Amino acid sequence: MTERPRLNGIIRALEQGQTAFAAFSPAEVDAALAISVAKYDAVVFEMEHNPWDARALRESLQFMLNRRQIAQSGSLAPAVTPMVRVPPNGVEKGQWHAKQALDLGCYGVVFPHISTVDEAYNAVAACRYPRLKTAERYAPAGIRGDGPAAAVRYWGLTQPEYYACADVWPLEPKGEIFVTLQIEDMSGVENLDDMLKKVPGIGAILIGEGDLSQELGFPRQYEHPKVLEAMAHVVATCKANNVVVGHPHVESGNAERILKEGYRFLMCAPVRSYGHLDKARQLAGR
């Protein structure tokens, strides 16, 4: 029996040693249609600053599908992997957003404003089903409730097949769920090493340079030395722990520097401007 092709485009790119590309997008049908044929590995539907709207997310997921592309590709997954950024999962412990997103069929979750080990643990746990303490790779102990019917249908798998791969990568090598934690304040920067050492299952760290620059007193001055210094610390910490690090604002003008600094998960400019994506892909050899 041939091995099932990798479903998650971000994981596929990273496993192949490539730079992964994604973009934020509103959860709207027209946006989903446009980005479904773009050269991104994934799209992150934005529901941190936009309202949480599960119905809009469900509709956007459906319009990421293209029957001809699926038939010709040999994979059941959409060409551009749909993920979502949920409202903050810090002190609120809002793991229910992750549960609903995964139950609808999302392949990954971006958790903003993660500042402590406890918050990081909770975020990863929210994307895992519970299991016995004697199970291999038990921690972070899963807290996702069991209700996979819609996700099973969206992924095109049987329920046992879904359970076998509905876990976080790279903790579970066959997992298809990509957990991204955003570091957006100095507490997160200072606690990051502990997070990466104590919380397995983190797919990538994405720097939130907007909020970070606000705290440092240089709002949206992304090239300010103090902002770049804090970001460099995050990059170095991720490299030391062998965890992928992502950049949220990649454009033609900064793509070469960002790639040289070691970022491997690049959030390029919105779908309305593909020039930045094309430039970044060219520089990354894709």
C-alpha atoms as a PDB file:
ATOM      1  CA  MET A   1       0.000   0.000   0.000  1.00  0.00           C
ATOM      2  CA  THR A   2       1.431   3.361  -1.014  1.00  0.00           C
ATOM      3  CA  GLU A   3       1.944   5.940   1.692  1.00  0.00           C
ATOM      4  CA  ARG A   4      -0.637   8.721   1.772  1.00  0.00           C
ATOM      5  CA  PRO A   5       0.735  12.006   0.407  1.00  0.00           C
ATOM      6  CA  ARG A   6       1.365  14.756   2.936  1.00  0.00           C
ATOM      7  CA  LEU A   7      -1.810  16.850   3.273  1.00  0.00           C
ATOM      8  CA  ASN A   8      -0.441  19.969   4.983  1.00  0.00           C
ATOM      9  CA  GLY A   9       1.480  22.168   2.544  1.00  0.00           C
ATOM     10  CA  ILE A  10       3.453  23.992   5.234  1.00  0.00           C
ATOM     11  CA  ILE A  11       4.669  20.724   6.751  1.00  0.00           C
ATOM     12  CA  ARG A  12       5.436  19.345   3.291  1.00  0.00           C
ATOM     13  CA  ALA A  13       7.646  22.318   2.437  1.00  0.00           C
ATOM     14  CA  LEU A  14       9.490  22.244   5.758  1.00  0.00           C
ATOM     15  CA  GLU A  15      10.086  18.479   5.593  1.00  0.00           C
ATOM     16  CA  GLN A  16      11.635  18.975   2.163  1.00  0.00           C
ATOM     17  CA  GLY A  17      14.013  21.596   3.561  1.00  0.00           C
ATOM     18  CA  GLN A  18      12.238  24.446   1.814  1.00  0.00           C
ATOM     19  CA  THR A  19      11.016  27.816   2.995  1.00  0.00           C
ATOM     20  CA  ALA A  20       7.250  27.800   3.577  1.00  0.00           C
ATOM     21  CA  PHE A  21       5.045  30.662   2.387  1.00  0.00           C
ATOM     22  CA  ALA A  22       1.678  31.810   3.706  1.00  0.00           C
ATOM     23  CA  ALA A  23      -0.508  34.899   3.856  1.00  0.00           C
ATOM     24  CA  PHE A  24      -3.165  36.282   6.145  1.00  0.00           C
ATOM     25  CA  SER A  25      -6.607  36.648   4.595  1.00  0.00           C
ATOM     26  CA  PRO A  26     -10.093  37.575   5.743  1.00  0.00           C
ATOM     27  CA  ALA A  27     -12.470  34.621   5.932  1.00  0.00           C
ATOM     28  CA  GLU A  28     -14.482  35.651   2.883  1.00  0.00           C
ATOM     29  CA  VAL A  29     -15.545  33.634  -0.144  1.00  0.00           C
ATOM     30  CA  ASP A  30     -13.972  35.936  -2.753  1.00  0.00           C
ATOM     31  CA  ALA A  31     -10.671  36.013  -0.876  1.00  0.00           C
ATOM     32  CA  ALA A  32     -10.688  32.230  -0.492  1.00  0.00           C
ATOM     33  CA  LEU A  33     -11.323  31.758  -4.222  1.00  0.00           C
ATOM     34  CA  ALA A  34      -8.468  34.083  -5.124  1.00  0.00           C
ATOM     35  CA  ILE A  35      -5.898  32.631  -2.743  1.00  0.00           C
ATOM     36  CA  SER A  36      -6.829  29.011  -3.527  1.00  0.00           C
ATOM     37  CA  VAL A  37      -4.959  29.277  -6.851  1.00  0.00           C
ATOM     38  CA  ALA A  38      -2.014  31.363  -5.613  1.00  0.00           C
ATOM     39  CA  LYS A  39       1.526  30.096  -5.032  1.00  0.00           C
ATOM     40  CA  TYR A  40       1.240  29.998  -1.266  1.00  0.00           C
ATOM     41  CA  ASP A  41       1.712  26.845   0.769  1.00  0.00           C
ATOM     42  CA  ALA A  42      -0.987  27.991   3.181  1.00  0.00           C
ATOM     43  CA  VAL A  43      -3.453  30.707   4.018  1.00  0.00           C
ATOM     44  CA  VAL A  44      -4.154  31.869   7.570  1.00  0.00           C
ATOM     45  CA  PHE A  45      -7.698  33.147   7.881  1.00  0.00           C
ATOM     46  CA  GLU A  46      -7.535  36.136  10.191  1.00  0.00           C
ATOM     47  CA  MET A  47      -9.879  35.972  13.174  1.00  0.00           C
ATOM     48  CA  GLU A  48      -7.857  37.645  15.873  1.00  0.00           C
ATOM     49  CA  HIS A  49      -8.506  41.211  14.755  1.00  0.00           C
ATOM     50  CA  ASN A  50     -11.543  40.253  12.687  1.00  0.00           C
ATOM     51  CA  PRO A  51     -14.620  38.866  14.456  1.00  0.00           C
ATOM     52  CA  TRP A  52     -14.723  35.161  15.249  1.00  0.00           C
ATOM     53  CA  ASP A  53     -17.191  33.846  12.672  1.00  0.00           C
ATOM     54  CA  ALA A  54     -17.292  30.062  12.415  1.00  0.00           C
ATOM     55  CA  ARG A  55     -19.817  30.141   9.569  1.00  0.00           C
ATOM     56  CA  ALA A  56     -17.600  32.429   7.468  1.00  0.00           C
ATOM     57  CA  LEU A  57     -14.628  30.186   8.211  1.00  0.00           C
ATOM     58  CA  ARG A  58     -16.572  27.089   7.140  1.00  0.00           C
ATOM     59  CA  GLU A  59     -17.622  28.733   3.868  1.00  0.00           C
ATOM     60  CA  SER A  60     -14.063  29.892   3.174  1.00  0.00           C
ATOM     61  CA  LEU A  61     -12.750  26.374   3.722  1.00  0.00           C
ATOM     62  CA  GLN A  62     -15.202  25.019   1.161  1.00  0.00           C
ATOM     63  CA  PHE A  63     -14.184  27.584  -1.444  1.00  0.00           C
ATOM     64  CA  MET A  64     -10.530  26.560  -1.045  1.00  0.00           C
ATOM     65  CA  LEU A  65     -11.468  23.260  -2.716  1.00  0.00           C
ATOM     66  CA  ASN A  66     -11.152  22.724  -6.459  1.00  0.00           C
ATOM     67  CA  ARG A  67     -12.354  19.364  -7.791  1.00  0.00           C
ATOM     68  CA  ARG A  68     -10.103  19.368 -10.874  1.00  0.00           C
ATOM     69  CA  GLN A  69      -7.016  20.251  -8.825  1.00  0.00           C
ATOM     70  CA  ILE A  70      -7.767  17.491  -6.326  1.00  0.00           C
ATOM     71  CA  ALA A  71      -8.371  14.918  -9.077  1.00  0.00           C
ATOM     72  CA  GLN A  72      -5.170  15.793 -10.933  1.00  0.00           C
ATOM     73  CA  SER A  73      -2.905  16.199  -7.898  1.00  0.00           C
ATOM     74  CA  GLY A  74      -3.406  12.776  -6.372  1.00  0.00           C
ATOM     75  CA  SER A  75      -3.953  14.438  -2.995  1.00  0.00           C
ATOM     76  CA  LEU A  76      -7.221  14.934  -1.146  1.00  0.00           C
ATOM     77  CA  ALA A  77      -6.122  18.291   0.256  1.00  0.00           C
ATOM     78  CA  PRO A  78      -6.613  21.755  -1.227  1.00  0.00           C
ATOM     79  CA  ALA A  79      -3.540  23.117  -3.016  1.00  0.00           C
ATOM     80  CA  VAL A  80      -3.236  25.928  -0.465  1.00  0.00           C
ATOM     81  CA  THR A  81      -3.541  24.663   3.096  1.00  0.00           C
ATOM     82  CA  PRO A  82      -6.188  26.509   5.160  1.00  0.00           C
ATOM     83  CA  MET A  83      -5.307  27.508   8.711  1.00  0.00           C
ATOM     84  CA  VAL A  84      -6.687  30.160  11.051  1.00  0.00           C
ATOM     85  CA  ARG A  85      -5.452  32.727  13.556  1.00  0.00           C
ATOM     86  CA  VAL A  86      -7.704  32.587  16.583  1.00  0.00           C
ATOM     87  CA  PRO A  87      -8.327  35.215  19.269  1.00  0.00           C
ATOM     88  CA  PRO A  88      -5.621  35.374  21.974  1.00  0.00           C
ATOM     89  CA  ASN A  89      -5.070  32.175  23.911  1.00  0.00           C
ATOM     90  CA  GLY A  90      -3.252  33.788  26.820  1.00  0.00           C
ATOM     91  CA  VAL A  91      -4.839  34.359  30.201  1.00  0.00           C
ATOM     92  CA  GLU A  92      -8.270  33.596  28.717  1.00  0.00           C
ATOM     93  CA  LYS A  93      -7.235  30.025  27.774  1.00  0.00           C
ATOM     94  CA  GLY A  94      -9.586  30.288  24.795  1.00  0.00           C
ATOM     95  CA  GLN A  95      -8.898  26.808  23.453  1.00  0.00           C
ATOM     96  CA  TRP A  96     -12.495  26.489  22.278  1.00  0.00           C
ATOM     97  CA  HIS A  97     -11.619  28.555  19.199  1.00  0.00           C
ATOM     98  CA  ALA A  98      -8.981  26.007  18.228  1.00  0.00           C
ATOM     99  CA  LYS A  99     -11.412  23.161  18.815  1.00  0.00           C
ATOM    100  CA  GLN A 100     -14.040  24.686  16.530  1.00  0.00           C
ATOM    101  CA  ALA A 101     -11.486  25.540  13.833  1.00  0.00           C
ATOM    102  CA  LEU A 102     -10.046  22.029  13.801  1.00  0.00           C
ATOM    103  CA  ASP A 103     -13.514  20.457  13.863  1.00  0.00           C
ATOM    104  CA  LEU A 104     -14.385  22.455  10.737  1.00  0.00           C
ATOM    105  CA  GLY A 105     -11.307  21.088   8.955  1.00  0.00           C
ATOM    106  CA  CYS A 106      -8.477  23.583   9.455  1.00  0.00           C
ATOM    107  CA  TYR A 107      -5.005  22.092   9.209  1.00  0.00           C
ATOM    108  CA  GLY A 108      -3.386  24.447  11.682  1.00  0.00           C
ATOM    109  CA  VAL A 109      -3.881  27.185  14.226  1.00  0.00           C
ATOM    110  CA  VAL A 110      -1.931  30.389  14.875  1.00  0.00           C
ATOM    111  CA  PHE A 111      -2.133  31.417  18.525  1.00  0.00           C
ATOM    112  CA  PRO A 112      -1.339  35.102  19.123  1.00  0.00           C
ATOM    113  CA  HIS A 113       0.119  36.667  22.289  1.00  0.00           C
ATOM    114  CA  ILE A 114       1.799  33.631  23.834  1.00  0.00           C
ATOM    115  CA  SER A 115       4.017  34.800  26.688  1.00  0.00           C
ATOM    116  CA  THR A 116       4.509  31.916  29.132  1.00  0.00           C
ATOM    117  CA  VAL A 117       5.214  28.199  29.232  1.00  0.00           C
ATOM    118  CA  ASP A 118       1.718  27.583  30.585  1.00  0.00           C
ATOM    119  CA  GLU A 119       0.108  29.443  27.680  1.00  0.00           C
ATOM    120  CA  ALA A 120       2.262  27.603  25.152  1.00  0.00           C
ATOM    121  CA  TYR A 121       1.391  24.240  26.713  1.00  0.00           C
ATOM    122  CA  ASN A 122      -2.323  25.070  26.642  1.00  0.00           C
ATOM    123  CA  ALA A 123      -2.172  26.086  22.971  1.00  0.00           C
ATOM    124  CA  VAL A 124      -0.553  22.844  21.838  1.00  0.00           C
ATOM    125  CA  ALA A 125      -2.803  20.768  24.126  1.00  0.00           C
ATOM    126  CA  ALA A 126      -5.864  22.408  22.539  1.00  0.00           C
ATOM    127  CA  CYS A 127      -4.885  20.849  19.200  1.00  0.00           C
ATOM    128  CA  ARG A 128      -4.493  17.290  20.533  1.00  0.00           C
ATOM    129  CA  TYR A 129      -6.975  14.615  21.517  1.00  0.00           C
ATOM    130  CA  PRO A 130      -6.674  13.155  25.037  1.00  0.00           C
ATOM    131  CA  ARG A 131      -4.822   9.876  25.522  1.00  0.00           C
ATOM    132  CA  LEU A 132      -3.681   7.677  28.376  1.00  0.00           C
ATOM    133  CA  LYS A 133      -0.688   8.854  30.362  1.00  0.00           C
ATOM    134  CA  THR A 134       1.113   5.679  29.306  1.00  0.00           C
ATOM    135  CA  ALA A 135       0.789   6.587  25.620  1.00  0.00           C
ATOM    136  CA  GLU A 136       3.845   7.480  23.587  1.00  0.00           C
ATOM    137  CA  ARG A 137       4.333  11.251  23.196  1.00  0.00           C
ATOM    138  CA  TYR A 138       1.695  11.898  25.858  1.00  0.00           C
ATOM    139  CA  ALA A 139       2.571  15.518  26.655  1.00  0.00           C
ATOM    140  CA  PRO A 140       1.276  18.113  26.090  1.00  0.00           C
ATOM    141  CA  ALA A 141      -1.788  16.286  27.356  1.00  0.00           C
ATOM    142  CA  GLY A 142      -4.575  16.726  24.817  1.00  0.00           C
ATOM    143  CA  ILE A 143      -7.746  18.613  25.704  1.00  0.00           C
ATOM    144  CA  ARG A 144      -9.478  18.728  22.287  1.00  0.00           C
ATOM    145  CA  GLY A 145     -13.032  17.428  22.499  1.00  0.00           C
ATOM    146  CA  ASP A 146     -14.077  14.587  20.219  1.00  0.00           C
ATOM    147  CA  GLY A 147     -16.334  15.753  17.404  1.00  0.00           C
ATOM    148  CA  PRO A 148     -14.514  15.200  14.093  1.00  0.00           C
ATOM    149  CA  ALA A 149     -17.378  14.532  11.661  1.00  0.00           C
ATOM    150  CA  ALA A 150     -17.009  17.732   9.606  1.00  0.00           C
ATOM    151  CA  ALA A 151     -13.199  17.572   9.623  1.00  0.00           C
ATOM    152  CA  VAL A 152     -13.233  13.933   8.527  1.00  0.00           C
ATOM    153  CA  ARG A 153     -15.429  14.829   5.565  1.00  0.00           C
ATOM    154  CA  TYR A 154     -13.338  17.895   4.672  1.00  0.00           C
ATOM    155  CA  TRP A 155     -10.052  15.982   4.776  1.00  0.00           C
ATOM    156  CA  GLY A 156     -11.578  13.121   2.747  1.00  0.00           C
ATOM    157  CA  LEU A 157     -10.471  10.439   5.193  1.00  0.00           C
ATOM    158  CA  THR A 158     -12.128   7.717   7.182  1.00  0.00           C
ATOM    159  CA  GLN A 159     -12.521   8.456  10.879  1.00  0.00           C
ATOM    160  CA  PRO A 160      -9.672   6.069  11.883  1.00  0.00           C
ATOM    161  CA  GLU A 161      -7.446   7.653   9.219  1.00  0.00           C
ATOM    162  CA  TYR A 162      -8.257  11.109  10.548  1.00  0.00           C
ATOM    163  CA  TYR A 163      -7.485  10.152  14.133  1.00  0.00           C
ATOM    164  CA  ALA A 164      -4.141   8.709  12.984  1.00  0.00           C
ATOM    165  CA  CYS A 165      -2.959  12.033  11.552  1.00  0.00           C
ATOM    166  CA  ALA A 166      -4.965  14.642  13.506  1.00  0.00           C
ATOM    167  CA  ASP A 167      -2.048  15.405  15.787  1.00  0.00           C
ATOM    168  CA  VAL A 168       0.593  18.103  15.983  1.00  0.00           C
ATOM    169  CA  TRP A 169       3.735  18.010  13.872  1.00  0.00           C
ATOM    170  CA  PRO A 170       6.639  17.521  14.431  1.00  0.00           C
ATOM    171  CA  LEU A 171       5.872  15.875  17.797  1.00  0.00           C
ATOM    172  CA  GLU A 172       3.888  13.270  15.857  1.00  0.00           C
ATOM    173  CA  PRO A 173       5.871  12.714  12.621  1.00  0.00           C
ATOM    174  CA  LYS A 174       2.703  11.723  10.723  1.00  0.00           C
ATOM    175  CA  GLY A 175       0.694  14.585  12.200  1.00  0.00           C
ATOM    176  CA  GLU A 176      -0.970  17.065   9.840  1.00  0.00           C
ATOM    177  CA  ILE A 177      -1.805  19.834  12.338  1.00  0.00           C
ATOM    178  CA  PHE A 178       0.601  22.770  12.398  1.00  0.00           C
ATOM    179  CA  VAL A 179       0.664  24.811  15.609  1.00  0.00           C
ATOM    180  CA  THR A 180       2.147  28.296  15.399  1.00  0.00           C
ATOM    181  CA  LEU A 181       2.750  30.432  18.485  1.00  0.00           C
ATOM    182  CA  GLN A 182       3.172  34.181  18.171  1.00  0.00           C
ATOM    183  CA  ILE A 183       5.732  35.913  20.374  1.00  0.00           C
ATOM    184  CA  GLU A 184       4.574  39.509  20.649  1.00  0.00           C
ATOM    185  CA  ASP A 185       5.972  40.941  23.885  1.00  0.00           C
ATOM    186  CA  MET A 186       9.163  40.932  25.904  1.00  0.00           C
ATOM    187  CA  SER A 187       7.758  38.414  28.373  1.00  0.00           C
ATOM    188  CA  GLY A 188       7.376  36.006  25.472  1.00  0.00           C
ATOM    189  CA  VAL A 189      10.876  36.794  24.223  1.00  0.00           C
ATOM    190  CA  GLU A 190      12.335  36.168  27.679  1.00  0.00           C
ATOM    191  CA  ASN A 191      10.345  32.966  28.243  1.00  0.00           C
ATOM    192  CA  LEU A 192      10.790  31.549  24.750  1.00  0.00           C
ATOM    193  CA  ASP A 193      13.723  29.265  25.533  1.00  0.00           C
ATOM    194  CA  ASP A 194      11.757  27.628  28.356  1.00  0.00           C
ATOM    195  CA  MET A 195       8.710  27.263  26.087  1.00  0.00           C
ATOM    196  CA  LEU A 196      10.693  25.491  23.387  1.00  0.00           C
ATOM    197  CA  LYS A 197      12.453  23.213  25.858  1.00  0.00           C
ATOM    198  CA  LYS A 198       9.359  22.299  27.890  1.00  0.00           C
ATOM    199  CA  VAL A 199       6.554  22.237  25.286  1.00  0.00           C
ATOM    200  CA  PRO A 200       6.989  19.769  22.409  1.00  0.00           C
ATOM    201  CA  GLY A 201       4.682  20.005  19.409  1.00  0.00           C
ATOM    202  CA  ILE A 202       5.310  23.619  18.412  1.00  0.00           C
ATOM    203  CA  GLY A 203       5.461  23.761  14.624  1.00  0.00           C
ATOM    204  CA  ALA A 204       6.762  27.312  14.376  1.00  0.00           C
ATOM    205  CA  ILE A 205       7.274  30.526  16.283  1.00  0.00           C
ATOM    206  CA  LEU A 206       5.919  33.581  14.479  1.00  0.00           C
ATOM    207  CA  ILE A 207       7.163  36.944  15.697  1.00  0.00           C
ATOM    208  CA  GLY A 208       4.466  39.566  16.230  1.00  0.00           C
ATOM    209  CA  GLU A 209       6.635  42.561  15.469  1.00  0.00           C
ATOM    210  CA  GLY A 210       3.738  45.022  15.503  1.00  0.00           C
ATOM    211  CA  ASP A 211       2.853  44.466  19.153  1.00  0.00           C
ATOM    212  CA  LEU A 212       6.499  43.927  20.072  1.00  0.00           C
ATOM    213  CA  SER A 213       7.467  47.271  18.570  1.00  0.00           C
ATOM    214  CA  GLN A 214       4.616  48.931  20.469  1.00  0.00           C
ATOM    215  CA  GLU A 215       5.932  47.644  23.796  1.00  0.00           C
ATOM    216  CA  LEU A 216       9.477  48.703  22.958  1.00  0.00           C
ATOM    217  CA  GLY A 217       8.270  52.238  22.258  1.00  0.00           C
ATOM    218  CA  PHE A 218       8.793  52.229  18.498  1.00  0.00           C
ATOM    219  CA  PRO A 219       5.356  51.316  17.079  1.00  0.00           C
ATOM    220  CA  ARG A 220       5.555  49.745  13.617  1.00  0.00           C
ATOM    221  CA  GLN A 221       9.176  50.860  13.208  1.00  0.00           C
ATOM    222  CA  TYR A 222      10.110  47.381  12.065  1.00  0.00           C
ATOM    223  CA  GLU A 223      13.677  48.327  11.104  1.00  0.00           C
ATOM    224  CA  HIS A 224      14.472  50.061  14.409  1.00  0.00           C
ATOM    225  CA  PRO A 225      17.621  48.579  16.005  1.00  0.00           C
ATOM    226  CA  LYS A 226      15.824  47.783  19.285  1.00  0.00           C
ATOM    227  CA  VAL A 227      13.055  45.930  17.445  1.00  0.00           C
ATOM    228  CA  LEU A 228      15.525  44.053  15.266  1.00  0.00           C
ATOM    229  CA  GLU A 229      17.565  43.163  18.354  1.00  0.00           C
ATOM    230  CA  ALA A 230      14.576  41.562  20.063  1.00  0.00           C
ATOM    231  CA  MET A 231      13.631  39.730  16.876  1.00  0.00           C
ATOM    232  CA  ALA A 232      17.193  38.476  16.449  1.00  0.00           C
ATOM    233  CA  HIS A 233      17.021  37.044  19.971  1.00  0.00           C
ATOM    234  CA  VAL A 234      13.878  35.116  19.006  1.00  0.00           C
ATOM    235  CA  VAL A 235      15.539  33.790  15.846  1.00  0.00           C
ATOM    236  CA  ALA A 236      18.651  32.695  17.762  1.00  0.00           C
ATOM    237  CA  THR A 237      16.532  30.982  20.423  1.00  0.00           C
ATOM    238  CA  CYS A 238      14.530  29.082  17.805  1.00  0.00           C
ATOM    239  CA  LYS A 239      17.695  27.988  15.993  1.00  0.00           C
ATOM    240  CA  ALA A 240      19.222  26.759  19.249  1.00  0.00           C
ATOM    241  CA  ASN A 241      16.117  24.647  19.877  1.00  0.00           C
ATOM    242  CA  ASN A 242      15.706  23.508  16.243  1.00  0.00           C
ATOM    243  CA  VAL A 243      12.265  25.113  15.901  1.00  0.00           C
ATOM    244  CA  VAL A 244      11.125  26.921  12.755  1.00  0.00           C
ATOM    245  CA  VAL A 245      10.841  30.696  13.091  1.00  0.00           C
ATOM    246  CA  GLY A 246       8.457  32.828  11.030  1.00  0.00           C
ATOM    247  CA  HIS A 247       8.288  36.460   9.944  1.00  0.00           C
ATOM    248  CA  PRO A 248       4.888  38.173   9.602  1.00  0.00           C
ATOM    249  CA  HIS A 249       5.655  41.009   7.165  1.00  0.00           C
ATOM    250  CA  VAL A 250       7.679  39.841   4.172  1.00  0.00           C
ATOM    251  CA  GLU A 251       7.915  42.160   1.172  1.00  0.00           C
ATOM    252  CA  SER A 252      10.204  42.542  -1.819  1.00  0.00           C
ATOM    253  CA  GLY A 253      12.377  45.037   0.035  1.00  0.00           C
ATOM    254  CA  ASN A 254      13.113  42.903   3.089  1.00  0.00           C
ATOM    255  CA  ALA A 255      12.825  39.342   1.753  1.00  0.00           C
ATOM    256  CA  GLU A 256      16.542  38.839   1.110  1.00  0.00           C
ATOM    257  CA  ARG A 257      17.518  40.009   4.616  1.00  0.00           C
ATOM    258  CA  ILE A 258      14.829  37.885   6.258  1.00  0.00           C
ATOM    259  CA  LEU A 259      15.923  34.740   4.437  1.00  0.00           C
ATOM    260  CA  LYS A 260      19.567  35.343   5.333  1.00  0.00           C
ATOM    261  CA  GLU A 261      18.623  35.743   8.990  1.00  0.00           C
ATOM    262  CA  GLY A 262      17.177  32.242   9.025  1.00  0.00           C
ATOM    263  CA  TYR A 263      13.395  32.653   8.862  1.00  0.00           C
ATOM    264  CA  ARG A 264      11.734  29.638   7.234  1.00  0.00           C
ATOM    265  CA  PHE A 265       8.007  30.439   7.594  1.00  0.00           C
ATOM    266  CA  LEU A 266       7.293  33.603   5.639  1.00  0.00           C
ATOM    267  CA  MET A 267       4.011  35.509   5.779  1.00  0.00           C
ATOM    268  CA  CYS A 268       3.995  37.500   2.559  1.00  0.00           C
ATOM    269  CA  ALA A 269       1.917  40.491   1.550  1.00  0.00           C
ATOM    270  CA  PRO A 270      -1.844  40.014   1.135  1.00  0.00           C
ATOM    271  CA  VAL A 271      -3.383  38.171  -1.779  1.00  0.00           C
ATOM    272  CA  ARG A 272      -3.968  41.415  -3.701  1.00  0.00           C
ATOM    273  CA  SER A 273      -0.220  41.820  -4.293  1.00  0.00           C
ATOM    274  CA  TYR A 274       1.648  38.753  -5.545  1.00  0.00           C
ATOM    275  CA  GLY A 275       4.837  40.628  -6.463  1.00  0.00           C
ATOM    276  CA  HIS A 276       6.189  40.275  -2.921  1.00  0.00           C
ATOM    277  CA  LEU A 277       5.479  36.540  -2.924  1.00  0.00           C
ATOM    278  CA  ASP A 278       7.132  36.003  -6.302  1.00  0.00           C
ATOM    279  CA  LYS A 279      10.259  37.878  -5.184  1.00  0.00           C
ATOM    280  CA  ALA A 280      10.501  35.959  -1.919  1.00  0.00           C
ATOM    281  CA  ARG A 281       9.966  32.589  -3.638  1.00  0.00           C
ATOM    282  CA  GLN A 282      12.667  33.396  -6.162  1.00  0.00           C
ATOM    283  CA  LEU A 283      15.147  34.287  -3.423  1.00  0.00           C
ATOM    284  CA  ALA A 284      14.271  31.086  -1.546  1.00  0.00           C
ATOM    285  CA  GLY A 285      14.801  28.947  -4.625  1.00  0.00           C
ATOM    286  CA  ARG A 286      11.162  28.074  -5.087  1.00  0.00           C
END
